[in-house]
């Protein structure tokens, strides 16, 4: 019972880390990668769809993403969606192909990105702490129902705290690496 709670908590904390890694991967450092456009939504005949469901997204080179909508009528909508996505990108249409050049990062933009990254990491820490709280609540319920003793509950809470500390240290490590990456010119 206690092991199930600990295992479940560790799995949920690990998922929070995975989400953070994915989110940090989308914060660009000046190099182009297709994941930048993952959150862009395009109006496709009245319904909002992710851009990768209406267009083919590829890398032309290290600093340019190319987007090729599957329908010619969608070119203007896809270009507008990329421009409106608040990613600081300025797409340009070239026939039936949309080129999205990655602008050089200014010092101010780097600082904005670092703020964004810190916010993402703080959200991950909050998520991990919420998992800890839920696990501790489950342990308290077991204690209240007299299914475990106080010593077992205290030991299990200590174990959960160790798991929490380990995952929060991992979040800090990811944050530090991303900040270093962003500040590198």
Protein backbone atom coordinates (compact mmCIF):
# COMPACT_ATOMS: atom_id res chain seq x y z
CA UNK A 1 0.00 0.00 0.00
CA UNK A 2 2.70 2.48 1.01
CA UNK A 3 4.89 1.32 -1.87
CA UNK A 4 2.01 1.92 -4.30
CA UNK A 5 1.66 5.50 -3.05
CA UNK A 6 5.41 6.12 -3.31
CA UNK A 7 5.60 4.55 -6.77
CA UNK A 8 2.61 6.53 -8.02
CA UNK A 9 4.07 9.77 -6.64
CA UNK A 10 7.43 9.10 -8.28
CA UNK A 11 5.79 8.36 -11.64
CA UNK A 12 3.74 11.56 -11.51
CA UNK A 13 6.80 13.63 -10.56
CA UNK A 14 8.71 12.04 -13.43
CA UNK A 15 5.89 13.02 -15.81
CA UNK A 16 6.15 16.62 -14.57
CA UNK A 17 9.86 16.52 -15.44
CA UNK A 18 9.11 15.14 -18.91
CA UNK A 19 6.59 17.93 -19.54
CA UNK A 20 9.18 20.50 -18.42
CA UNK A 21 11.80 19.01 -20.75
CA UNK A 22 9.35 19.20 -23.65
CA UNK A 23 8.41 22.80 -22.81
CA UNK A 24 12.04 23.87 -22.47
CA UNK A 25 12.81 22.25 -25.80
CA UNK A 26 10.28 24.54 -27.45
CA UNK A 27 12.00 27.68 -26.16
CA UNK A 28 14.28 28.57 -29.01
CA UNK A 29 17.87 29.60 -28.71
CA UNK A 30 18.30 31.01 -32.21
CA UNK A 31 18.54 27.64 -33.92
CA UNK A 32 15.49 26.53 -35.85
CA UNK A 33 13.58 23.40 -34.91
CA UNK A 34 10.09 22.32 -35.87
CA UNK A 35 8.92 21.96 -32.24
CA UNK A 36 8.72 25.76 -32.00
CA UNK A 37 5.50 25.67 -34.02
CA UNK A 38 3.84 22.84 -32.04
CA UNK A 39 1.48 25.17 -30.14
CA UNK A 40 0.41 27.15 -33.21
CA UNK A 41 -3.30 26.67 -33.95
CA UNK A 42 -4.72 27.24 -37.44
CA UNK A 43 -8.35 28.03 -38.27
CA UNK A 44 -9.26 25.13 -40.57
CA UNK A 45 -12.80 25.64 -41.87
CA UNK A 46 -14.12 26.82 -38.51
CA UNK A 47 -12.19 24.51 -36.18
CA UNK A 48 -8.81 25.18 -34.61
CA UNK A 49 -6.21 22.54 -35.48
CA UNK A 50 -2.49 22.23 -34.65
CA UNK A 51 -0.37 23.47 -37.54
CA UNK A 52 1.14 20.01 -38.10
CA UNK A 53 -2.35 18.71 -39.06
CA UNK A 54 -2.75 21.17 -41.94
CA UNK A 55 0.83 21.54 -43.19
CA UNK A 56 4.15 19.79 -43.59
CA UNK A 57 6.84 21.38 -41.38
CA UNK A 58 10.52 20.88 -42.20
CA UNK A 59 13.89 22.56 -41.66
CA UNK A 60 15.40 24.27 -44.69
CA UNK A 61 18.64 25.00 -42.81
CA UNK A 62 19.83 25.73 -39.27
CA UNK A 63 18.02 29.08 -39.17
CA UNK A 64 14.93 28.54 -41.36
CA UNK A 65 11.76 26.48 -40.96
CA UNK A 66 9.64 25.78 -44.03
CA UNK A 67 5.90 25.21 -43.77
CA UNK A 68 4.03 23.75 -46.72
CA UNK A 69 0.24 23.70 -46.27
CA UNK A 70 -1.49 20.72 -47.85
CA UNK A 71 -4.17 22.96 -49.37
CA UNK A 72 -3.30 26.09 -51.35
CA UNK A 73 -6.25 27.93 -49.78
CA UNK A 74 -4.67 27.53 -46.32
CA UNK A 75 -1.41 29.40 -47.08
CA UNK A 76 -2.66 32.80 -45.85
CA UNK A 77 -4.33 31.30 -42.75
CA UNK A 78 -1.21 29.33 -41.77
CA UNK A 79 1.01 32.39 -42.25
CA UNK A 80 -1.38 34.52 -40.15
CA UNK A 81 -1.48 31.83 -37.41
CA UNK A 82 2.33 31.76 -37.20
CA UNK A 83 2.51 35.57 -37.08
CA UNK A 84 -0.25 35.77 -34.41
CA UNK A 85 1.26 33.01 -32.22
CA UNK A 86 3.38 35.56 -30.30
CA UNK A 87 6.61 33.66 -31.01
CA UNK A 88 8.43 36.67 -32.43
CA UNK A 89 8.52 35.05 -35.87
CA UNK A 90 7.89 36.77 -39.20
CA UNK A 91 6.91 34.22 -41.88
CA UNK A 92 7.22 35.02 -45.60
CA UNK A 93 5.27 33.28 -48.36
CA UNK A 94 7.16 32.10 -51.40
CA UNK A 95 4.67 30.53 -53.83
CA UNK A 96 3.09 27.59 -51.99
CA UNK A 97 5.85 27.49 -49.37
CA UNK A 98 6.04 29.56 -46.18
CA UNK A 99 9.56 30.36 -44.96
CA UNK A 100 9.98 31.15 -41.25
CA UNK A 101 13.46 32.60 -40.59
CA UNK A 102 14.73 32.56 -37.01
CA UNK A 103 15.74 36.08 -35.99
CA UNK A 104 18.92 36.61 -34.01
CA UNK A 105 18.23 36.85 -30.29
CA UNK A 106 18.73 40.28 -28.76
CA UNK A 107 19.83 40.69 -25.14
CA UNK A 108 16.31 41.86 -24.22
CA UNK A 109 14.68 38.85 -25.93
CA UNK A 110 17.11 36.49 -24.16
CA UNK A 111 16.09 37.96 -20.80
CA UNK A 112 12.40 37.55 -21.71
CA UNK A 113 13.04 33.93 -22.64
CA UNK A 114 14.85 33.35 -19.34
CA UNK A 115 11.82 34.74 -17.48
CA UNK A 116 9.62 32.38 -19.48
CA UNK A 117 11.90 29.41 -18.72
CA UNK A 118 11.94 30.26 -15.00
CA UNK A 119 8.14 30.39 -15.02
CA UNK A 120 7.99 26.96 -16.68
CA UNK A 121 10.39 25.49 -14.12
CA UNK A 122 8.44 27.03 -11.23
CA UNK A 123 5.24 25.49 -12.62
CA UNK A 124 7.02 22.10 -12.72
CA UNK A 125 8.13 22.52 -9.09
CA UNK A 126 4.56 23.39 -8.04
CA UNK A 127 3.31 20.31 -9.87
CA UNK A 128 5.88 18.13 -8.07
CA UNK A 129 4.95 19.63 -4.69
CA UNK A 130 1.27 18.99 -5.41
CA UNK A 131 2.08 15.33 -6.05
CA UNK A 132 3.94 15.25 -2.71
CA UNK A 133 0.93 16.79 -0.95
CA UNK A 134 -1.44 14.24 -2.50
CA UNK A 135 0.83 11.35 -1.50
CA UNK A 136 1.11 12.66 2.07
CA UNK A 137 -2.69 13.04 2.23
CA UNK A 138 -3.06 9.43 1.11
CA UNK A 139 -0.63 8.35 3.85
CA UNK A 140 -2.56 10.36 6.47
CA UNK A 141 -5.77 8.68 5.34
CA UNK A 142 -4.16 5.25 5.78
CA UNK A 143 -3.03 6.28 9.27
CA UNK A 144 -6.49 7.59 10.13
CA UNK A 145 -8.10 4.34 8.93
CA UNK A 146 -5.58 2.50 11.15
CA UNK A 147 -4.13 0.57 8.18
CA UNK A 148 -0.56 1.72 8.99
CA UNK A 149 1.21 2.89 12.13
CA UNK A 150 2.62 6.36 12.86
CA UNK A 151 6.22 5.20 12.39
CA UNK A 152 5.43 3.72 8.97
CA UNK A 153 3.64 6.92 7.97
CA UNK A 154 6.54 9.11 9.09
CA UNK A 155 9.09 6.92 7.26
CA UNK A 156 6.98 6.96 4.10
CA UNK A 157 6.63 10.76 4.29
CA UNK A 158 10.42 11.05 4.62
CA UNK A 159 10.84 8.81 1.55
CA UNK A 160 8.37 10.90 -0.43
CA UNK A 161 10.22 14.07 0.62
CA UNK A 162 13.50 12.53 -0.64
CA UNK A 163 11.84 11.71 -3.98
CA UNK A 164 10.47 15.27 -4.14
CA UNK A 165 13.89 16.79 -3.38
CA UNK A 166 15.50 14.64 -6.08
CA UNK A 167 12.98 15.77 -8.71
CA UNK A 168 13.18 19.45 -7.72
CA UNK A 169 16.99 19.27 -7.97
CA UNK A 170 16.52 17.84 -11.49
CA UNK A 171 14.23 20.78 -12.37
CA UNK A 172 16.91 23.20 -11.11
CA UNK A 173 19.55 21.41 -13.19
CA UNK A 174 17.39 21.63 -16.34
CA UNK A 175 16.72 25.32 -15.67
CA UNK A 176 20.42 26.08 -15.19
CA UNK A 177 21.33 24.30 -18.43
CA UNK A 178 18.64 26.14 -20.41
CA UNK A 179 19.64 29.54 -18.95
CA UNK A 180 23.27 28.89 -19.90
CA UNK A 181 22.15 27.86 -23.38
CA UNK A 182 20.04 31.02 -23.78
CA UNK A 183 22.78 33.39 -22.64
CA UNK A 184 25.42 31.84 -24.93
CA UNK A 185 25.92 34.18 -27.87
